[in-house]
C-alpha atoms as a PDB file:
ATOM      1  CA  MET A   1       8.320  46.442   0.930  1.00  0.00           C
ATOM      2  CA  LYS A   2       5.212  45.268   2.803  1.00  0.00           C
ATOM      3  CA  PRO A   3       3.294  42.322   1.320  1.00  0.00           C
ATOM      4  CA  VAL A   4       0.090  43.054  -0.596  1.00  0.00           C
ATOM      5  CA  MET A   5      -1.772  40.868   1.899  1.00  0.00           C
ATOM      6  CA  ASP A   6      -0.835  40.343   5.525  1.00  0.00           C
ATOM      7  CA  LEU A   7      -2.764  38.705   8.363  1.00  0.00           C
ATOM      8  CA  MET A   8      -4.275  41.943   9.672  1.00  0.00           C
ATOM      9  CA  LYS A   9      -5.431  42.971   6.192  1.00  0.00           C
ATOM     10  CA  LEU A  10      -6.930  39.517   5.700  1.00  0.00           C
ATOM     11  CA  MET A  11      -8.896  39.738   8.964  1.00  0.00           C
ATOM     12  CA  GLU A  12     -10.181  43.202   8.098  1.00  0.00           C
ATOM     13  CA  ALA A  13     -11.085  42.450   4.479  1.00  0.00           C
ATOM     14  CA  PHE A  14     -12.608  38.970   4.803  1.00  0.00           C
ATOM     15  CA  ASP A  15     -14.240  38.624   8.207  1.00  0.00           C
ATOM     16  CA  THR A  16     -17.745  38.017   6.793  1.00  0.00           C
ATOM     17  CA  GLU A  17     -19.258  35.566   4.326  1.00  0.00           C
ATOM     18  CA  PRO A  18     -20.478  38.279   1.868  1.00  0.00           C
ATOM     19  CA  GLU A  19     -17.002  39.834   1.706  1.00  0.00           C
ATOM     20  CA  CYS A  20     -15.461  36.439   0.900  1.00  0.00           C
ATOM     21  CA  ARG A  21     -18.100  35.667  -1.738  1.00  0.00           C
ATOM     22  CA  ALA A  22     -17.539  39.046  -3.390  1.00  0.00           C
ATOM     23  CA  TYR A  23     -13.793  38.357  -3.607  1.00  0.00           C
ATOM     24  CA  LEU A  24     -14.374  34.904  -5.092  1.00  0.00           C
ATOM     25  CA  GLU A  25     -16.705  36.447  -7.694  1.00  0.00           C
ATOM     26  CA  GLU A  26     -14.021  38.960  -8.617  1.00  0.00           C
ATOM     27  CA  LEU A  27     -11.406  36.232  -9.012  1.00  0.00           C
ATOM     28  CA  ARG A  28     -13.620  33.726 -10.807  1.00  0.00           C
ATOM     29  CA  TRP A  29     -15.339  36.129 -13.196  1.00  0.00           C
ATOM     30  CA  PRO A  30     -13.052  39.158 -13.750  1.00  0.00           C
ATOM     31  CA  LYS A  31     -14.988  40.037 -16.939  1.00  0.00           C
ATOM     32  CA  GLY A  32     -18.435  39.591 -15.429  1.00  0.00           C
ATOM     33  CA  ILE A  33     -20.460  36.684 -14.074  1.00  0.00           C
ATOM     34  CA  GLU A  34     -20.759  33.782 -16.508  1.00  0.00           C
ATOM     35  CA  CYS A  35     -22.958  30.692 -16.397  1.00  0.00           C
ATOM     36  CA  PRO A  36     -20.702  27.650 -15.775  1.00  0.00           C
ATOM     37  CA  ARG A  37     -23.050  25.446 -17.799  1.00  0.00           C
ATOM     38  CA  CYS A  38     -23.797  27.380 -21.017  1.00  0.00           C
ATOM     39  CA  LYS A  39     -21.329  30.295 -20.660  1.00  0.00           C
ATOM     40  CA  GLY A  40     -24.243  32.729 -20.861  1.00  0.00           C
ATOM     41  CA  LYS A  41     -23.574  36.312 -19.800  1.00  0.00           C
ATOM     42  CA  THR A  42     -27.121  37.418 -18.955  1.00  0.00           C
ATOM     43  CA  ILE A  43     -27.371  36.559 -15.284  1.00  0.00           C
ATOM     44  CA  SER A  44     -29.873  37.457 -12.561  1.00  0.00           C
ATOM     45  CA  ARG A  45     -28.853  37.553  -8.922  1.00  0.00           C
ATOM     46  CA  ILE A  46     -30.937  35.682  -6.290  1.00  0.00           C
ATOM     47  CA  LEU A  47     -29.979  37.692  -3.233  1.00  0.00           C
ATOM     48  CA  LYS A  48     -31.802  35.621  -0.581  1.00  0.00           C
ATOM     49  CA  ARG A  49     -29.924  32.446  -1.541  1.00  0.00           C
ATOM     50  CA  ASP A  50     -26.556  33.925  -2.603  1.00  0.00           C
ATOM     51  CA  GLN A  51     -27.128  32.392  -6.019  1.00  0.00           C
ATOM     52  CA  PHE A  52     -27.428  33.355  -9.670  1.00  0.00           C
ATOM     53  CA  ASP A  53     -29.928  32.404 -12.350  1.00  0.00           C
ATOM     54  CA  CYS A  54     -28.875  32.106 -15.975  1.00  0.00           C
ATOM     55  CA  ASP A  55     -31.444  33.756 -18.265  1.00  0.00           C
ATOM     56  CA  SER A  56     -30.361  31.513 -21.161  1.00  0.00           C
ATOM     57  CA  CYS A  57     -30.488  27.981 -19.704  1.00  0.00           C
ATOM     58  CA  ARG A  58     -32.182  28.700 -16.344  1.00  0.00           C
ATOM     59  CA  TYR A  59     -29.326  27.026 -14.481  1.00  0.00           C
ATOM     60  CA  GLN A  60     -29.022  28.241 -10.910  1.00  0.00           C
ATOM     61  CA  PHE A  61     -25.544  28.386  -9.404  1.00  0.00           C
ATOM     62  CA  SER A  62     -23.404  30.149  -6.835  1.00  0.00           C
ATOM     63  CA  VAL A  63     -19.840  31.434  -6.895  1.00  0.00           C
ATOM     64  CA  MET A  64     -18.823  28.176  -5.191  1.00  0.00           C
ATOM     65  CA  SER A  65     -20.555  25.840  -7.687  1.00  0.00           C
ATOM     66  CA  GLY A  66     -18.093  23.482  -9.326  1.00  0.00           C
ATOM     67  CA  THR A  67     -15.224  24.580  -7.095  1.00  0.00           C
ATOM     68  CA  ILE A  68     -13.385  23.072  -4.164  1.00  0.00           C
ATOM     69  CA  PHE A  69     -15.684  25.082  -1.843  1.00  0.00           C
ATOM     70  CA  HIS A  70     -18.903  23.608  -3.261  1.00  0.00           C
ATOM     71  CA  ASP A  71     -19.846  20.996  -0.642  1.00  0.00           C
ATOM     72  CA  SER A  72     -18.060  22.599   2.309  1.00  0.00           C
ATOM     73  CA  HIS A  73     -19.980  23.619   5.430  1.00  0.00           C
ATOM     74  CA  LEU A  74     -16.973  25.518   6.755  1.00  0.00           C
ATOM     75  CA  PRO A  75     -17.470  29.323   6.763  1.00  0.00           C
ATOM     76  CA  LEU A  76     -15.528  31.054   3.998  1.00  0.00           C
ATOM     77  CA  PRO A  77     -13.605  33.336   6.415  1.00  0.00           C
ATOM     78  CA  LYS A  78     -12.069  30.184   7.923  1.00  0.00           C
ATOM     79  CA  TRP A  79     -11.237  28.858   4.438  1.00  0.00           C
ATOM     80  CA  PHE A  80      -9.509  32.148   3.667  1.00  0.00           C
ATOM     81  CA  ALA A  81      -7.599  32.150   6.968  1.00  0.00           C
ATOM     82  CA  ALA A  82      -6.405  28.540   6.503  1.00  0.00           C
ATOM     83  CA  THR A  83      -5.291  29.258   2.937  1.00  0.00           C
ATOM     84  CA  TYR A  84      -3.336  32.318   4.057  1.00  0.00           C
ATOM     85  CA  LEU A  85      -1.661  30.442   6.915  1.00  0.00           C
ATOM     86  CA  LEU A  86      -0.615  27.523   4.687  1.00  0.00           C
ATOM     87  CA  CYS A  87       0.765  29.624   1.858  1.00  0.00           C
ATOM     88  CA  GLU A  88       2.552  32.172   4.050  1.00  0.00           C
ATOM     89  CA  SER A  89       4.092  29.851   6.691  1.00  0.00           C
ATOM     90  CA  ARG A  90       7.592  29.123   5.380  1.00  0.00           C
ATOM     91  CA  LYS A  91       7.708  25.560   6.751  1.00  0.00           C
ATOM     92  CA  GLY A  92       3.996  24.893   6.467  1.00  0.00           C
ATOM     93  CA  MET A  93       1.447  24.487   9.227  1.00  0.00           C
ATOM     94  CA  SER A  94       0.088  21.329  10.815  1.00  0.00           C
ATOM     95  CA  ALA A  95      -3.576  20.375  10.927  1.00  0.00           C
ATOM     96  CA  ASN A  96      -3.349  20.474  14.727  1.00  0.00           C
ATOM     97  CA  GLN A  97      -2.214  24.098  14.607  1.00  0.00           C
ATOM     98  CA  ILE A  98      -4.972  24.999  12.133  1.00  0.00           C
ATOM     99  CA  LYS A  99      -7.445  23.269  14.445  1.00  0.00           C
ATOM    100  CA  ARG A 100      -6.368  25.394  17.403  1.00  0.00           C
ATOM    101  CA  MET A 101      -6.196  28.672  15.501  1.00  0.00           C
ATOM    102  CA  LEU A 102      -9.548  28.348  13.725  1.00  0.00           C
ATOM    103  CA  GLY A 103     -11.481  26.566  16.490  1.00  0.00           C
ATOM    104  CA  ILE A 104     -12.487  23.578  14.363  1.00  0.00           C
ATOM    105  CA  SER A 105     -12.207  19.809  14.783  1.00  0.00           C
ATOM    106  CA  TYR A 106      -9.010  17.978  13.856  1.00  0.00           C
ATOM    107  CA  LYS A 107     -10.850  16.012  11.157  1.00  0.00           C
ATOM    108  CA  THR A 108     -12.097  19.232   9.556  1.00  0.00           C
ATOM    109  CA  ALA A 109      -8.643  20.838   9.804  1.00  0.00           C
ATOM    110  CA  TRP A 110      -6.910  17.785   8.298  1.00  0.00           C
ATOM    111  CA  TYR A 111      -9.366  17.609   5.393  1.00  0.00           C
ATOM    112  CA  LEU A 112      -9.151  21.369   4.868  1.00  0.00           C
ATOM    113  CA  CYS A 113      -5.349  21.321   4.691  1.00  0.00           C
ATOM    114  CA  HIS A 114      -5.349  18.460   2.186  1.00  0.00           C
ATOM    115  CA  ARG A 115      -7.871  20.188  -0.064  1.00  0.00           C
ATOM    116  CA  ILE A 116      -5.711  23.303  -0.137  1.00  0.00           C
ATOM    117  CA  ARG A 117      -2.569  21.206  -0.789  1.00  0.00           C
ATOM    118  CA  ALA A 118      -4.282  19.441  -3.691  1.00  0.00           C
ATOM    119  CA  ALA A 119      -4.766  22.807  -5.393  1.00  0.00           C
ATOM    120  CA  MET A 120      -1.110  23.784  -4.960  1.00  0.00           C
ATOM    121  CA  ASN A 121       0.030  21.729  -7.924  1.00  0.00           C
ATOM    122  CA  GLU A 122       2.019  23.627 -10.540  1.00  0.00           C
ATOM    123  CA  MET A 123       4.368  20.896 -11.802  1.00  0.00           C
ATOM    124  CA  GLU A 124       2.249  19.378 -14.564  1.00  0.00           C
ATOM    125  CA  GLY A 125       3.559  20.485 -17.944  1.00  0.00           C
ATOM    126  CA  HIS A 126       6.185  22.798 -16.421  1.00  0.00           C
ATOM    127  CA  LYS A 127       9.694  21.730 -17.458  1.00  0.00           C
ATOM    128  CA  LEU A 128      12.866  23.224 -16.039  1.00  0.00           C
ATOM    129  CA  THR A 129      15.737  24.461 -18.184  1.00  0.00           C
ATOM    130  CA  GLY A 130      18.945  26.490 -18.005  1.00  0.00           C
ATOM    131  CA  LYS A 131      21.276  25.279 -15.255  1.00  0.00           C
ATOM    132  CA  VAL A 132      19.599  22.480 -13.332  1.00  0.00           C
ATOM    133  CA  GLU A 133      20.661  20.726 -10.131  1.00  0.00           C
ATOM    134  CA  ILE A 134      19.356  17.253  -9.272  1.00  0.00           C
ATOM    135  CA  ASP A 135      19.723  15.305  -6.042  1.00  0.00           C
ATOM    136  CA  GLU A 136      17.864  12.667  -4.066  1.00  0.00           C
ATOM    137  CA  THR A 137      17.145  12.199  -0.398  1.00  0.00           C
ATOM    138  CA  ASP A 138      15.288   9.781   1.866  1.00  0.00           C
ATOM    139  CA  ILE A 139      12.318  10.976   3.880  1.00  0.00           C
ATOM    140  CA  GLY A 140      11.450   9.114   7.063  1.00  0.00           C
ATOM    141  CA  GLY A 141      13.197   6.895   9.531  1.00  0.00           C
ATOM    142  CA  LYS A 142      12.665   4.106  12.026  1.00  0.00           C
ATOM    143  CA  THR A 143       9.018   3.482  12.794  1.00  0.00           C
ATOM    144  CA  THR A 144       6.790   0.920  14.483  1.00  0.00           C
ATOM    145  CA  ASN A 145       4.081   1.367  11.879  1.00  0.00           C
ATOM    146  CA  ALA A 146       5.889   1.108   8.553  1.00  0.00           C
ATOM    147  CA  GLU A 147       2.741   0.704   6.474  1.00  0.00           C
ATOM    148  CA  LYS A 148       1.350   4.034   7.625  1.00  0.00           C
ATOM    149  CA  TRP A 149       4.299   6.355   8.161  1.00  0.00           C
ATOM    150  CA  ALA A 150       6.927   7.096   5.548  1.00  0.00           C
ATOM    151  CA  ALA A 151      10.100   5.153   6.249  1.00  0.00           C
ATOM    152  CA  HIS A 152      12.992   5.941   3.907  1.00  0.00           C
ATOM    153  CA  GLU A 153      10.857   7.089   0.997  1.00  0.00           C
ATOM    154  CA  PRO A 154      13.044   8.480  -1.825  1.00  0.00           C
ATOM    155  CA  VAL A 155      12.381  12.047  -2.987  1.00  0.00           C
ATOM    156  CA  ILE A 156      13.982  13.597  -6.069  1.00  0.00           C
ATOM    157  CA  GLY A 157      14.732  17.317  -6.000  1.00  0.00           C
ATOM    158  CA  ILE A 158      15.203  19.201  -9.276  1.00  0.00           C
ATOM    159  CA  ARG A 159      16.037  22.893  -9.032  1.00  0.00           C
ATOM    160  CA  GLU A 160      16.511  25.392 -11.834  1.00  0.00           C
ATOM    161  CA  ARG A 161      19.073  28.050 -10.976  1.00  0.00           C
ATOM    162  CA  GLY A 162      17.136  31.265 -10.418  1.00  0.00           C
ATOM    163  CA  GLY A 163      13.904  29.442 -11.206  1.00  0.00           C
ATOM    164  CA  HIS A 164      11.573  26.742 -10.044  1.00  0.00           C
ATOM    165  CA  LEU A 165      11.932  23.715  -7.799  1.00  0.00           C
ATOM    166  CA  HIS A 166      10.276  20.320  -8.271  1.00  0.00           C
ATOM    167  CA  PHE A 167      10.020  17.596  -5.617  1.00  0.00           C
ATOM    168  CA  ILE A 168       8.946  14.120  -6.756  1.00  0.00           C
ATOM    169  CA  HIS A 169       8.167  11.146  -4.554  1.00  0.00           C
ATOM    170  CA  ALA A 170       9.946   8.297  -6.374  1.00  0.00           C
ATOM    171  CA  HIS A 171       8.756   4.809  -5.420  1.00  0.00           C
ATOM    172  CA  ASP A 172      11.274   1.969  -6.012  1.00  0.00           C
ATOM    173  CA  LEU A 173      13.906   4.351  -7.350  1.00  0.00           C
ATOM    174  CA  ASN A 174      16.430   3.107  -9.907  1.00  0.00           C
ATOM    175  CA  SER A 175      18.363   4.637 -12.814  1.00  0.00           C
ATOM    176  CA  ARG A 176      15.604   3.980 -15.353  1.00  0.00           C
ATOM    177  CA  LYS A 177      12.925   5.526 -13.185  1.00  0.00           C
ATOM    178  CA  LEU A 178      15.159   8.486 -12.371  1.00  0.00           C
ATOM    179  CA  TYR A 179      15.735   9.121 -16.075  1.00  0.00           C
ATOM    180  CA  ASP A 180      11.961   9.036 -16.697  1.00  0.00           C
ATOM    181  CA  ILE A 181      11.461  11.586 -13.892  1.00  0.00           C
ATOM    182  CA  ILE A 182      14.128  13.871 -15.350  1.00  0.00           C
ATOM    183  CA  GLU A 183      12.668  13.541 -18.851  1.00  0.00           C
ATOM    184  CA  ALA A 184       9.244  14.551 -17.508  1.00  0.00           C
ATOM    185  CA  ASN A 185      10.566  17.525 -15.522  1.00  0.00           C
ATOM    186  CA  VAL A 186      13.604  18.841 -17.441  1.00  0.00           C
ATOM    187  CA  ASP A 187      13.393  20.348 -20.915  1.00  0.00           C
ATOM    188  CA  LYS A 188      15.753  19.045 -23.590  1.00  0.00           C
ATOM    189  CA  THR A 189      17.040  22.590 -24.095  1.00  0.00           C
ATOM    190  CA  VAL A 190      18.659  22.412 -20.642  1.00  0.00           C
ATOM    191  CA  GLU A 191      22.144  23.934 -20.586  1.00  0.00           C
ATOM    192  CA  VAL A 192      23.687  21.699 -17.922  1.00  0.00           C
ATOM    193  CA  VAL A 193      22.501  19.068 -15.437  1.00  0.00           C
ATOM    194  CA  MET A 194      24.497  18.922 -12.199  1.00  0.00           C
ATOM    195  CA  THR A 195      24.463  15.941  -9.815  1.00  0.00           C
ATOM    196  CA  ASP A 196      26.726  14.097  -7.424  1.00  0.00           C
ATOM    197  CA  GLU A 197      28.480  10.920  -8.590  1.00  0.00           C
ATOM    198  CA  SER A 198      25.806   8.456  -7.490  1.00  0.00           C
ATOM    199  CA  LYS A 199      25.386   5.438  -9.765  1.00  0.00           C
ATOM    200  CA  LEU A 200      21.779   6.529 -10.242  1.00  0.00           C
ATOM    201  CA  TYR A 201      23.005   9.248 -12.595  1.00  0.00           C
ATOM    202  CA  GLN A 202      24.564   6.988 -15.215  1.00  0.00           C
ATOM    203  CA  PHE A 203      22.677   8.439 -18.168  1.00  0.00           C
ATOM    204  CA  GLY A 204      24.458   6.482 -20.898  1.00  0.00           C
ATOM    205  CA  MET A 205      23.699   7.330 -24.509  1.00  0.00           C
ATOM    206  CA  THR A 206      20.972   9.912 -23.879  1.00  0.00           C
ATOM    207  CA  TYR A 207      20.665  13.619 -24.575  1.00  0.00           C
ATOM    208  CA  LEU A 208      21.780  14.214 -20.971  1.00  0.00           C
ATOM    209  CA  GLN A 209      25.192  12.565 -21.352  1.00  0.00           C
ATOM    210  CA  LYS A 210      26.972  15.597 -22.873  1.00  0.00           C
ATOM    211  CA  LYS A 211      25.217  18.035 -20.525  1.00  0.00           C
ATOM    212  CA  HIS A 212      25.925  16.152 -17.313  1.00  0.00           C
ATOM    213  CA  LYS A 213      28.456  17.505 -14.780  1.00  0.00           C
ATOM    214  CA  THR A 214      29.174  16.123 -11.327  1.00  0.00           C
ATOM    215  CA  VAL A 215      30.761  16.874  -7.985  1.00  0.00           C
ATOM    216  CA  ASN A 216      32.332  14.087  -5.943  1.00  0.00           C
ATOM    217  CA  HIS A 217      30.796  14.162  -2.475  1.00  0.00           C
ATOM    218  CA  SER A 218      32.676  11.033  -1.385  1.00  0.00           C
ATOM    219  CA  LYS A 219      35.894  13.040  -1.729  1.00  0.00           C
ATOM    220  CA  LYS A 220      34.308  16.041   0.032  1.00  0.00           C
ATOM    221  CA  GLU A 221      34.040  17.975  -3.211  1.00  0.00           C
ATOM    222  CA  TYR A 222      30.908  20.128  -3.027  1.00  0.00           C
ATOM    223  CA  VAL A 223      31.724  22.956  -5.444  1.00  0.00           C
ATOM    224  CA  ARG A 224      33.828  22.943  -8.599  1.00  0.00           C
ATOM    225  CA  GLY A 225      33.579  26.248 -10.415  1.00  0.00           C
ATOM    226  CA  ASP A 226      29.876  26.664 -11.194  1.00  0.00           C
ATOM    227  CA  VAL A 227      29.091  22.993 -10.608  1.00  0.00           C
ATOM    228  CA  THR A 228      27.330  22.222  -7.328  1.00  0.00           C
ATOM    229  CA  THR A 229      24.157  20.683  -5.891  1.00  0.00           C
ATOM    230  CA  ASN A 230      24.159  22.981  -2.867  1.00  0.00           C
ATOM    231  CA  THR A 231      21.044  24.939  -3.806  1.00  0.00           C
ATOM    232  CA  VAL A 232      18.825  21.872  -4.271  1.00  0.00           C
ATOM    233  CA  GLU A 233      20.234  20.484  -1.013  1.00  0.00           C
ATOM    234  CA  SER A 234      19.226  23.705   0.765  1.00  0.00           C
ATOM    235  CA  ALA A 235      15.682  23.101  -0.496  1.00  0.00           C
ATOM    236  CA  PHE A 236      15.818  19.580   0.968  1.00  0.00           C
ATOM    237  CA  SER A 237      16.860  21.090   4.299  1.00  0.00           C
ATOM    238  CA  LEU A 238      13.762  23.314   4.296  1.00  0.00           C
ATOM    239  CA  LEU A 239      11.565  20.311   3.451  1.00  0.00           C
ATOM    240  CA  LYS A 240      12.996  18.225   6.283  1.00  0.00           C
ATOM    241  CA  ARG A 241      12.582  21.069   8.771  1.00  0.00           C
ATOM    242  CA  GLY A 242       8.946  21.232   7.709  1.00  0.00           C
ATOM    243  CA  ILE A 243       8.471  17.498   8.267  1.00  0.00           C
ATOM    244  CA  ILE A 244      10.348  17.347  11.579  1.00  0.00           C
ATOM    245  CA  GLY A 245       9.288  20.686  13.041  1.00  0.00           C
ATOM    246  CA  THR A 246       5.806  21.227  11.598  1.00  0.00           C
ATOM    247  CA  TRP A 247       4.095  18.073  10.341  1.00  0.00           C
ATOM    248  CA  HIS A 248       6.135  15.639  12.504  1.00  0.00           C
ATOM    249  CA  ARG A 249       4.960  12.605  10.549  1.00  0.00           C
ATOM    250  CA  VAL A 250       4.023  12.288   6.879  1.00  0.00           C
ATOM    251  CA  SER A 251       2.315   9.215   5.485  1.00  0.00           C
ATOM    252  CA  THR A 252       3.646   7.533   2.357  1.00  0.00           C
ATOM    253  CA  LYS A 253       0.258   7.920   0.671  1.00  0.00           C
ATOM    254  CA  HIS A 254       0.138  11.693   1.140  1.00  0.00           C
ATOM    255  CA  LEU A 255       3.852  12.488   0.834  1.00  0.00           C
ATOM    256  CA  GLN A 256       3.508  13.927  -2.688  1.00  0.00           C
ATOM    257  CA  ALA A 257       0.789  16.316  -1.466  1.00  0.00           C
ATOM    258  CA  TYR A 258       3.165  17.745   1.146  1.00  0.00           C
ATOM    259  CA  LEU A 259       5.873  18.014  -1.519  1.00  0.00           C
ATOM    260  CA  GLN A 260       3.448  19.963  -3.731  1.00  0.00           C
ATOM    261  CA  GLU A 261       2.688  22.357  -0.903  1.00  0.00           C
ATOM    262  CA  MET A 262       6.369  22.933  -0.171  1.00  0.00           C
ATOM    263  CA  THR A 263       7.310  23.538  -3.819  1.00  0.00           C
ATOM    264  CA  TRP A 264       4.342  25.867  -4.423  1.00  0.00           C
ATOM    265  CA  ARG A 265       5.352  27.987  -1.448  1.00  0.00           C
ATOM    266  CA  PHE A 266       9.070  27.855  -2.364  1.00  0.00           C
ATOM    267  CA  ASN A 267       8.503  28.793  -5.999  1.00  0.00           C
ATOM    268  CA  ASN A 268       6.299  31.717  -4.944  1.00  0.00           C
ATOM    269  CA  ARG A 269       8.484  32.959  -2.091  1.00  0.00           C
ATOM    270  CA  LYS A 270       8.928  36.342  -3.814  1.00  0.00           C
ATOM    271  CA  ASN A 271       5.363  36.574  -5.077  1.00  0.00           C
ATOM    272  CA  GLU A 272       3.593  39.558  -3.488  1.00  0.00           C
ATOM    273  CA  PHE A 273       0.262  38.157  -4.684  1.00  0.00           C
ATOM    274  CA  LEU A 274       0.707  34.664  -3.258  1.00  0.00           C
ATOM    275  CA  PHE A 275      -2.616  34.635  -1.385  1.00  0.00           C
ATOM    276  CA  ARG A 276      -4.534  35.772  -4.471  1.00  0.00           C
ATOM    277  CA  ASP A 277      -2.774  33.256  -6.708  1.00  0.00           C
ATOM    278  CA  THR A 278      -3.418  30.440  -4.235  1.00  0.00           C
ATOM    279  CA  MET A 279      -7.117  31.378  -4.131  1.00  0.00           C
ATOM    280  CA  LEU A 280      -7.175  31.223  -7.933  1.00  0.00           C
ATOM    281  CA  LYS A 281      -5.747  27.715  -7.665  1.00  0.00           C
ATOM    282  CA  LEU A 282      -8.508  26.743  -5.239  1.00  0.00           C
ATOM    283  CA  ILE A 283     -11.223  28.066  -7.552  1.00  0.00           C
ATOM    284  CA  ALA A 284      -9.812  26.130 -10.520  1.00  0.00           C
ATOM    285  CA  ALA A 285      -9.037  22.890  -8.645  1.00  0.00           C
ATOM    286  CA  ASP A 286     -11.149  19.754  -8.787  1.00  0.00           C
ATOM    287  CA  ASN A 287     -12.920  18.839  -5.587  1.00  0.00           C
ATOM    288  CA  LEU A 288     -11.137  16.317  -3.375  1.00  0.00           C
ATOM    289  CA  GLU A 289     -13.506  13.966  -1.572  1.00  0.00           C
ATOM    290  CA  TYR A 290     -12.765  12.902   1.985  1.00  0.00           C
ATOM    291  CA  LYS A 291     -13.368   9.219   1.179  1.00  0.00           C
ATOM    292  CA  SER A 292     -10.600   9.260  -1.443  1.00  0.00           C
ATOM    293  CA  LEU A 293      -8.161  10.704   1.117  1.00  0.00           C
ATOM    294  CA  ILE A 294      -8.793   7.976   3.676  1.00  0.00           C
ATOM    295  CA  ALA A 295      -9.267   5.067   1.250  1.00  0.00           C
END
């Protein structure tokens, strides 16, 4: 089955500013244009300025007001193209590649990618259940600039069989912190939690103790019946291929943003409406200022 949106359809449908604005209006106000200040429904259109005027409170606004697009000088067709490329590229896309493909500066491409990543957050409040695999890995390696580039930063992977994946950047990882991460990401109705036999997973007298099953990797045991961590490890492999082959280097400060991007794309890998749903995320997301990214 062909995807609902492919690159050629994107180029045909959204190659002008008015076409992009019309699509954003449709997504933002599916039941009709609404004033973002007073929620009024009686709205006049100011065609010359691509704005609206609320007849109730006289507030003037555009479809981009209060969204991540609000203070951007980048043409909307380039926003749409960058969003499509990031959400449809299996291992992500680097700012350098976006720069070359869209004909923009590296600074603009880098900022653009991070604003899109910031909107790709679906973990908050979403707890996994059923059969859950948990594993940890280190991201990074030897470096001459340890303060800037991630060197052996621990990442926790939690994957629900047949469901969602969460990646969490875990600073100063220990058993207590790992338990807090699991408690925040795994529902107490979970059927079973599968891990290797690392000392990190000594849950003690908690609700996880009776639901915890392990495989012994030190004895080359990777599957025992239904117990395995192979599927979460396959997700780690995809993440590392993205870092090595696409982004090349990921800073410690921004590591969680890259993890969000990877999990959003992974969890929506079968979603035919991924571009639309990512655009909805962008409309709803808070703006991300450049100064906060480089602080």
